[in-house]
């Protein structure tokens, strides 16, 4: 193992992940509601501000970082070799990139050129995702491999027949990587950094600064207007990786037994980390305004500081004071984030295929907001039901 981490399931991490997924479903749904206040919408790229909506994606990145040390150490403790571990990391990254590209292109599908409606194509895509990444419990492994193989074939066929754009000449391409794809790149880079520096907390802190510095360097005119412009395209991934590394560092502060941070030492270290993030974000803000769209350093650092504070509160309530019975509600979403993330899209395209739509009253104002809240909660119950049917996705 790289670090000597606390054993057992950390309820506060699962709760943080589940709450983030719940809020993510809500903000994705409410984005289609008319007449909602600006603080419930993403800030525009040219604004120097952020709303709570702009913190949801970085919160998920942060949780990915918190989970990486546990995941890597768990696989090593089970006997994975170095190359087996790298294969797992690359496979997981590839899965996130593939899912991201498919989801980004779905909205641009040209039904006439593709030969099927957007709804049918999307439902086949999500069905194949479940086939490929479901955790099967068959006693005969060949059944699982047949189902996974069928899903992979469907994915390939869907990619080949896809045509997008108004003229139907666009193929399935990474116009951008989508939310899942961006998570995939940040996950890959963070895993490399964690292994390269053997989980050393000082080195990881330094790499957070390096990632921010890389973003700043890439935004300089002499880089963007030169033969190094391809490197500049990775600036956003570097910023996202910084958030993942912040989550990773917080995990080491709380759960690395070799560090031995407890009591006042732990509080002062975490508080100091949060303060440094806030100060650095404020210092960089005049030059790099708050912007989720541009993944600016100030946005990254502020969001990471918020995540440090939120998780610390959850940890105190759940793992210290043992006020944790309520966390069972978030357990299905926390342990099945991919399934919970794609489920609202499955419902949306299912309704589209059936020619159903929401009443106009649920698409605007307060009634729309209330509906989106109820929908988000309902998705968590549906995931719990799907888990009982042995539908559980794992990359």
Protein backbone atom coordinates (compact mmCIF):
# COMPACT_ATOMS: atom_id res chain seq x y z
CA UNK A 1 0.00 0.00 0.00
CA UNK A 2 1.07 3.61 -0.56
CA UNK A 3 -0.54 5.15 2.53
CA UNK A 4 -1.74 3.56 5.76
CA UNK A 5 -5.36 4.65 5.53
CA UNK A 6 -8.18 4.09 7.99
CA UNK A 7 -10.06 0.89 7.22
CA UNK A 8 -13.79 0.51 6.76
CA UNK A 9 -16.35 2.51 4.84
CA UNK A 10 -16.18 6.25 5.53
CA UNK A 11 -19.83 7.27 5.88
CA UNK A 12 -19.09 10.99 5.57
CA UNK A 13 -17.50 10.49 2.12
CA UNK A 14 -20.48 8.43 0.93
CA UNK A 15 -22.88 11.03 2.29
CA UNK A 16 -20.95 13.87 0.63
CA UNK A 17 -21.04 11.98 -2.68
CA UNK A 18 -24.75 11.20 -2.34
CA UNK A 19 -25.67 14.79 -1.48
CA UNK A 20 -23.61 16.05 -4.43
CA UNK A 21 -25.36 13.65 -6.81
CA UNK A 22 -28.77 14.70 -5.47
CA UNK A 23 -27.97 18.39 -5.98
CA UNK A 24 -26.50 17.61 -9.43
CA UNK A 25 -29.76 15.98 -10.54
CA UNK A 26 -31.69 18.98 -9.24
CA UNK A 27 -29.55 21.63 -10.95
CA UNK A 28 -29.54 19.70 -14.24
CA UNK A 29 -33.32 19.49 -14.11
CA UNK A 30 -33.97 23.05 -12.99
CA UNK A 31 -31.80 24.36 -15.85
CA UNK A 32 -34.77 23.73 -18.15
CA UNK A 33 -37.23 25.66 -15.97
CA UNK A 34 -38.20 29.16 -17.05
CA UNK A 35 -38.31 32.13 -14.69
CA UNK A 36 -35.91 30.89 -12.02
CA UNK A 37 -33.66 33.30 -10.06
CA UNK A 38 -30.12 33.90 -11.28
CA UNK A 39 -28.58 32.29 -8.18
CA UNK A 40 -30.07 28.96 -9.34
CA UNK A 41 -28.39 29.22 -12.74
CA UNK A 42 -24.80 28.84 -13.91
CA UNK A 43 -22.96 32.13 -14.11
CA UNK A 44 -22.13 33.20 -17.66
CA UNK A 45 -18.58 32.82 -18.93
CA UNK A 46 -18.01 36.59 -19.02
CA UNK A 47 -19.22 37.20 -15.44
CA UNK A 48 -16.96 37.43 -12.43
CA UNK A 49 -19.16 35.41 -10.07
CA UNK A 50 -20.36 31.94 -9.26
CA UNK A 51 -23.52 30.43 -7.81
CA UNK A 52 -24.04 27.26 -5.78
CA UNK A 53 -24.79 25.58 -9.12
CA UNK A 54 -21.19 26.24 -10.20
CA UNK A 55 -19.89 24.35 -7.15
CA UNK A 56 -21.62 21.03 -7.94
CA UNK A 57 -19.22 19.80 -10.64
CA UNK A 58 -16.07 20.70 -8.66
CA UNK A 59 -17.62 19.02 -5.61
CA UNK A 60 -17.79 15.80 -7.58
CA UNK A 61 -14.19 16.27 -8.73
CA UNK A 62 -13.22 16.84 -5.10
CA UNK A 63 -14.92 13.59 -4.03
CA UNK A 64 -13.14 11.71 -6.82
CA UNK A 65 -9.89 12.93 -5.28
CA UNK A 66 -10.97 11.85 -1.80
CA UNK A 67 -11.69 8.34 -3.09
CA UNK A 68 -8.49 7.78 -5.10
CA UNK A 69 -6.17 6.92 -2.17
CA UNK A 70 -8.70 4.42 -0.81
CA UNK A 71 -9.27 2.85 -4.23
CA UNK A 72 -5.59 2.50 -5.14
CA UNK A 73 -4.56 1.21 -1.72
CA UNK A 74 -7.45 -1.25 -1.73
CA UNK A 75 -6.39 -2.75 -5.04
CA UNK A 76 -2.76 -2.99 -3.95
CA UNK A 77 -3.74 -4.66 -0.68
CA UNK A 78 -5.72 -7.25 -2.67
CA UNK A 79 -2.59 -8.16 -4.60
CA UNK A 80 -2.84 -6.13 -7.80
CA UNK A 81 0.50 -5.73 -9.53
CA UNK A 82 1.69 -2.35 -10.77
CA UNK A 83 0.53 -3.08 -14.32
CA UNK A 84 -2.83 -4.49 -13.20
CA UNK A 85 -3.44 -1.25 -11.33
CA UNK A 86 -2.51 0.86 -14.37
CA UNK A 87 -4.83 -1.25 -16.54
CA UNK A 88 -7.69 -0.59 -14.13
CA UNK A 89 -7.00 3.17 -14.07
CA UNK A 90 -6.78 3.37 -17.88
CA UNK A 91 -9.93 1.28 -18.34
CA UNK A 92 -11.84 3.50 -15.95
CA UNK A 93 -10.55 6.63 -17.69
CA UNK A 94 -11.48 5.25 -21.11
CA UNK A 95 -14.96 4.44 -19.87
CA UNK A 96 -15.51 7.99 -18.63
CA UNK A 97 -14.19 9.46 -21.89
CA UNK A 98 -16.40 7.23 -24.02
CA UNK A 99 -19.49 8.01 -21.97
CA UNK A 100 -18.68 11.71 -22.07
CA UNK A 101 -18.30 11.77 -25.87
CA UNK A 102 -21.56 9.85 -26.44
CA UNK A 103 -23.51 12.11 -24.10
CA UNK A 104 -22.11 15.31 -25.63
CA UNK A 105 -23.04 14.21 -29.15
CA UNK A 106 -26.55 12.98 -28.30
CA UNK A 107 -28.13 16.42 -28.50
CA UNK A 108 -26.66 17.03 -31.98
CA UNK A 109 -28.00 13.80 -33.52
CA UNK A 110 -29.67 14.11 -36.93
CA UNK A 111 -32.49 11.52 -36.96
CA UNK A 112 -32.84 11.35 -40.74
CA UNK A 113 -29.14 10.84 -41.38
CA UNK A 114 -28.69 8.43 -38.46
CA UNK A 115 -31.70 6.32 -39.31
CA UNK A 116 -33.40 6.52 -35.94
CA UNK A 117 -34.76 9.13 -33.57
CA UNK A 118 -32.64 10.80 -30.94
CA UNK A 119 -34.70 9.17 -28.18
CA UNK A 120 -34.24 5.63 -29.53
CA UNK A 121 -30.51 6.14 -30.15
CA UNK A 122 -30.03 7.55 -26.64
CA UNK A 123 -32.01 4.77 -24.98
CA UNK A 124 -29.98 2.15 -26.83
CA UNK A 125 -26.83 3.92 -25.71
CA UNK A 126 -27.83 3.97 -22.04
CA UNK A 127 -29.02 0.38 -22.27
CA UNK A 128 -25.62 -0.66 -23.60
CA UNK A 129 -23.92 1.30 -20.80
CA UNK A 130 -25.85 -0.77 -18.26
CA UNK A 131 -24.92 -3.99 -20.07
CA UNK A 132 -21.21 -3.14 -20.21
CA UNK A 133 -20.68 -1.67 -16.75
CA UNK A 134 -23.21 -3.52 -14.61
CA UNK A 135 -21.89 -5.56 -11.68
CA UNK A 136 -23.17 -9.06 -12.42
CA UNK A 137 -23.60 -11.81 -9.83
CA UNK A 138 -23.98 -14.84 -12.10
CA UNK A 139 -22.24 -17.98 -10.96
CA UNK A 140 -21.20 -18.64 -14.57
CA UNK A 141 -18.81 -15.85 -15.64
CA UNK A 142 -19.51 -16.47 -19.34
CA UNK A 143 -23.03 -15.06 -18.96
CA UNK A 144 -21.61 -11.79 -17.65
CA UNK A 145 -19.07 -11.61 -20.49
CA UNK A 146 -21.78 -12.27 -23.08
CA UNK A 147 -23.91 -9.42 -21.74
CA UNK A 148 -20.91 -7.08 -21.58
CA UNK A 149 -19.93 -8.09 -25.12
CA UNK A 150 -23.45 -7.42 -26.41
CA UNK A 151 -23.36 -3.97 -24.83
CA UNK A 152 -19.98 -3.21 -26.38
CA UNK A 153 -21.23 -4.26 -29.83
CA UNK A 154 -24.27 -2.00 -29.50
CA UNK A 155 -22.01 0.92 -28.51
CA UNK A 156 -19.81 0.37 -31.56
CA UNK A 157 -22.81 0.16 -33.90
CA UNK A 158 -24.32 3.33 -32.42
CA UNK A 159 -21.00 5.14 -32.88
CA UNK A 160 -20.69 4.00 -36.51
CA UNK A 161 -24.23 4.96 -37.59
CA UNK A 162 -24.25 8.28 -35.73
CA UNK A 163 -24.62 11.40 -37.84
CA UNK A 164 -25.02 14.86 -36.36
CA UNK A 165 -25.50 18.47 -37.34
CA UNK A 166 -28.18 20.08 -39.46
CA UNK A 167 -26.75 18.59 -42.65
CA UNK A 168 -26.15 15.17 -41.05
CA UNK A 169 -22.47 15.04 -42.01
CA UNK A 170 -20.89 15.14 -38.55
CA UNK A 171 -19.54 11.95 -37.04
CA UNK A 172 -19.27 11.02 -33.37
CA UNK A 173 -16.35 13.20 -32.25
CA UNK A 174 -15.16 14.78 -28.98
CA UNK A 175 -16.41 18.34 -29.61
CA UNK A 176 -15.67 18.52 -25.90
CA UNK A 177 -15.38 15.67 -23.45
CA UNK A 178 -18.53 16.29 -21.47
CA UNK A 179 -18.72 16.30 -17.69
CA UNK A 180 -17.82 12.62 -17.39
CA UNK A 181 -14.92 13.01 -19.81
CA UNK A 182 -13.52 15.97 -17.87
CA UNK A 183 -13.75 13.89 -14.71
CA UNK A 184 -11.94 11.09 -16.57
CA UNK A 185 -8.95 13.27 -17.52
CA UNK A 186 -8.65 14.76 -14.03
CA UNK A 187 -8.92 11.28 -12.49
CA UNK A 188 -6.14 9.95 -14.73
CA UNK A 189 -3.74 12.81 -14.00
CA UNK A 190 -4.44 12.66 -10.26
CA UNK A 191 -3.83 8.89 -10.16
CA UNK A 192 -0.49 9.38 -11.91
CA UNK A 193 0.53 12.12 -9.47
CA UNK A 194 -0.56 10.08 -6.44
CA UNK A 195 1.53 7.09 -7.52
CA UNK A 196 4.47 9.13 -8.75
CA UNK A 197 4.91 10.84 -5.37
CA UNK A 198 3.85 7.75 -3.35
CA UNK A 199 1.05 9.62 -1.61
CA UNK A 200 3.36 12.19 0.01
CA UNK A 201 1.09 14.97 1.24
CA UNK A 202 3.69 17.71 0.80
CA UNK A 203 4.30 16.69 -2.81
CA UNK A 204 0.56 16.62 -3.52
CA UNK A 205 0.19 20.11 -2.05
CA UNK A 206 3.01 21.25 -4.32
CA UNK A 207 1.33 19.64 -7.35
CA UNK A 208 -1.85 21.60 -6.64
CA UNK A 209 0.23 24.74 -7.06
CA UNK A 210 1.89 23.28 -10.17
CA UNK A 211 -1.50 22.60 -11.78
CA UNK A 212 -2.65 26.15 -11.05
CA UNK A 213 0.66 27.48 -12.36
CA UNK A 214 0.29 25.39 -15.53
CA UNK A 215 -3.14 26.95 -16.15
CA UNK A 216 -1.74 30.45 -15.69
CA UNK A 217 1.19 29.74 -18.01
CA UNK A 218 -1.08 28.34 -20.71
CA UNK A 219 -3.20 31.48 -20.63
CA UNK A 220 -0.26 33.71 -21.54
CA UNK A 221 -0.36 35.11 -25.10
CA UNK A 222 3.13 33.84 -25.97
CA UNK A 223 1.88 30.27 -25.34
CA UNK A 224 -1.54 30.53 -26.97
CA UNK A 225 -0.12 32.07 -30.15
CA UNK A 226 2.78 29.68 -30.59
CA UNK A 227 3.52 26.08 -31.51
CA UNK A 228 2.83 25.22 -27.85
CA UNK A 229 -0.87 25.99 -28.23
CA UNK A 230 -1.71 22.26 -28.05
CA UNK A 231 -0.35 22.22 -24.51
CA UNK A 232 -2.55 25.20 -23.72
CA UNK A 233 -5.59 23.07 -24.54
CA UNK A 234 -4.86 21.08 -21.38
CA UNK A 235 -5.18 24.09 -19.10
CA UNK A 236 -8.75 23.26 -18.13
CA UNK A 237 -7.79 19.66 -17.30
CA UNK A 238 -4.95 20.97 -15.14
CA UNK A 239 -7.37 23.20 -13.22
CA UNK A 240 -9.79 20.32 -12.68
CA UNK A 241 -6.90 18.10 -11.58
CA UNK A 242 -6.03 20.70 -8.94
CA UNK A 243 -9.50 20.27 -7.44
CA UNK A 244 -9.13 16.47 -7.45
CA UNK A 245 -5.75 16.80 -5.71
CA UNK A 246 -7.33 19.03 -3.05
CA UNK A 247 -9.78 16.25 -2.27
CA UNK A 248 -6.93 13.74 -2.21
CA UNK A 249 -4.95 15.89 0.22
CA UNK A 250 -7.93 16.24 2.54
CA UNK A 251 -8.29 12.45 2.64
CA UNK A 252 -4.66 12.16 3.74
CA UNK A 253 -5.17 14.78 6.45
CA UNK A 254 -8.17 12.95 7.87
CA UNK A 255 -7.43 9.29 7.23
CA UNK A 256 -3.69 8.72 6.73
CA UNK A 257 -2.65 7.05 9.98
CA UNK A 258 1.02 7.71 9.23
CA UNK A 259 0.36 11.45 9.48
CA UNK A 260 -1.36 10.89 12.82
CA UNK A 261 -3.39 14.10 12.72
CA UNK A 262 -5.96 14.13 15.49
CA UNK A 263 -7.73 16.65 17.70
CA UNK A 264 -6.43 20.19 17.56
CA UNK A 265 -3.62 19.24 15.14
CA UNK A 266 -6.16 17.96 12.61
CA UNK A 267 -8.41 21.00 13.04
CA UNK A 268 -5.53 23.43 12.60
CA UNK A 269 -4.18 21.59 9.54
CA UNK A 270 -7.57 21.46 7.82
CA UNK A 271 -8.43 25.05 8.76
CA UNK A 272 -5.03 26.18 7.51
CA UNK A 273 -5.51 24.35 4.22
CA UNK A 274 -8.94 25.93 3.72
CA UNK A 275 -7.52 29.38 4.54
CA UNK A 276 -4.65 28.99 2.07
CA UNK A 277 -7.12 28.04 -0.67
CA UNK A 278 -9.28 31.09 0.04
CA UNK A 279 -6.32 33.48 0.18
CA UNK A 280 -4.82 32.09 -3.03
CA UNK A 281 -8.20 32.32 -4.77
CA UNK A 282 -8.66 35.94 -3.67
CA UNK A 283 -5.11 36.80 -4.73
CA UNK A 284 -5.61 35.37 -8.22
CA UNK A 285 -9.12 36.69 -8.73
CA UNK A 286 -8.21 40.13 -10.11
CA UNK A 287 -6.27 38.49 -12.94
CA UNK A 288 -8.48 35.41 -13.34
CA UNK A 289 -12.11 36.12 -12.54
CA UNK A 290 -14.46 33.54 -11.11
CA UNK A 291 -15.61 31.39 -14.02
CA UNK A 292 -16.67 27.76 -14.14
CA UNK A 293 -16.79 27.85 -17.95
CA UNK A 294 -13.16 28.98 -18.15
CA UNK A 295 -12.09 26.81 -15.17
CA UNK A 296 -10.19 29.72 -13.68
CA UNK A 297 -7.82 29.23 -10.72
CA UNK A 298 -9.89 31.48 -8.47
CA UNK A 299 -13.00 29.39 -9.18
CA UNK A 300 -11.10 26.14 -8.54
CA UNK A 301 -9.59 27.32 -5.26
CA UNK A 302 -12.81 28.83 -3.90
CA UNK A 303 -14.76 25.68 -4.77
CA UNK A 304 -12.11 23.47 -3.18
CA UNK A 305 -12.24 25.58 0.00
CA UNK A 306 -16.03 25.23 0.10
CA UNK A 307 -15.69 21.45 -0.29
CA UNK A 308 -13.13 21.30 2.54
CA UNK A 309 -15.56 23.13 4.82
CA UNK A 310 -18.61 21.07 3.81
CA UNK A 311 -16.86 17.74 4.18
CA UNK A 312 -15.38 18.74 7.54
CA UNK A 313 -18.86 19.56 8.82
CA UNK A 314 -20.18 16.21 7.55
CA UNK A 315 -17.24 14.36 9.08
CA UNK A 316 -17.86 16.01 12.46
CA UNK A 317 -21.58 15.19 12.41
CA UNK A 318 -21.37 11.68 10.97
CA UNK A 319 -18.06 10.14 12.04
CA UNK A 320 -17.34 12.06 15.25
CA UNK A 321 -20.78 12.70 16.72
CA UNK A 322 -22.28 9.59 15.02
CA UNK A 323 -25.33 11.51 13.84
CA UNK A 324 -25.54 9.23 10.84
CA UNK A 325 -28.88 7.43 10.56
CA UNK A 326 -30.02 9.94 7.95
CA UNK A 327 -27.12 9.01 5.65
CA UNK A 328 -28.84 5.75 4.66
CA UNK A 329 -31.05 7.78 2.33
CA UNK A 330 -27.99 8.83 0.31
CA UNK A 331 -26.28 5.43 0.38
CA UNK A 332 -27.65 4.13 -2.98
CA UNK A 333 -26.59 7.29 -4.82
CA UNK A 334 -23.29 7.50 -2.95
CA UNK A 335 -22.32 3.95 -3.86
CA UNK A 336 -23.77 4.07 -7.40
CA UNK A 337 -22.91 7.52 -8.74
CA UNK A 338 -22.79 6.55 -12.43
CA UNK A 339 -26.21 4.88 -12.42
CA UNK A 340 -27.71 7.80 -10.50
CA UNK A 341 -26.13 10.29 -12.92
CA UNK A 342 -27.50 8.71 -16.11
CA UNK A 343 -30.93 7.77 -14.73
CA UNK A 344 -32.56 11.22 -15.28
CA UNK A 345 -31.46 11.12 -18.94
CA UNK A 346 -33.01 7.67 -19.32
CA UNK A 347 -36.28 9.02 -17.93
CA UNK A 348 -36.08 12.09 -20.20
CA UNK A 349 -35.47 10.12 -23.39
CA UNK A 350 -38.00 7.51 -22.36
CA UNK A 351 -40.65 10.21 -22.12
CA UNK A 352 -39.51 11.61 -25.46
CA UNK A 353 -39.82 8.20 -27.11
CA UNK A 354 -43.36 7.84 -25.74
CA UNK A 355 -44.34 11.34 -26.82
CA UNK A 356 -44.84 12.49 -23.22
CA UNK A 357 -43.99 15.89 -21.78
CA UNK A 358 -44.43 17.71 -18.50
CA UNK A 359 -47.38 20.10 -18.07
CA UNK A 360 -46.42 23.71 -18.75
CA UNK A 361 -46.99 24.64 -15.10
CA UNK A 362 -44.13 22.33 -14.07
CA UNK A 363 -41.72 23.99 -16.48
CA UNK A 364 -41.66 27.46 -14.99
CA UNK A 365 -41.27 29.35 -11.73
CA UNK A 366 -41.82 27.96 -8.25
CA UNK A 367 -43.89 24.93 -9.37
CA UNK A 368 -41.04 23.96 -11.69
CA UNK A 369 -38.47 24.29 -8.91
CA UNK A 370 -40.58 22.17 -6.55
CA UNK A 371 -41.02 19.54 -9.28
CA UNK A 372 -37.27 19.37 -9.86
CA UNK A 373 -36.70 18.86 -6.14
CA UNK A 374 -39.23 16.02 -6.05
CA UNK A 375 -37.75 14.51 -9.21
CA UNK A 376 -34.24 14.49 -7.75
CA UNK A 377 -35.43 12.75 -4.59
CA UNK A 378 -37.45 10.27 -6.65
CA UNK A 379 -34.34 9.32 -8.63
CA UNK A 380 -32.61 8.25 -5.41
CA UNK A 381 -35.53 5.96 -4.59
CA UNK A 382 -35.48 4.53 -8.11
CA UNK A 383 -31.75 3.81 -7.82
CA UNK A 384 -32.40 1.99 -4.56
CA UNK A 385 -35.01 -0.14 -6.33
CA UNK A 386 -32.67 -0.85 -9.25
CA UNK A 387 -29.98 -1.96 -6.78
CA UNK A 388 -32.41 -4.53 -5.41
CA UNK A 389 -32.80 -5.79 -8.99
CA UNK A 390 -28.99 -6.17 -9.12
CA UNK A 391 -28.49 -3.23 -11.45
CA UNK A 392 -25.39 -1.48 -10.16
CA UNK A 393 -22.84 0.18 -12.42
CA UNK A 394 -19.14 0.24 -11.74
CA UNK A 395 -16.42 1.65 -13.98
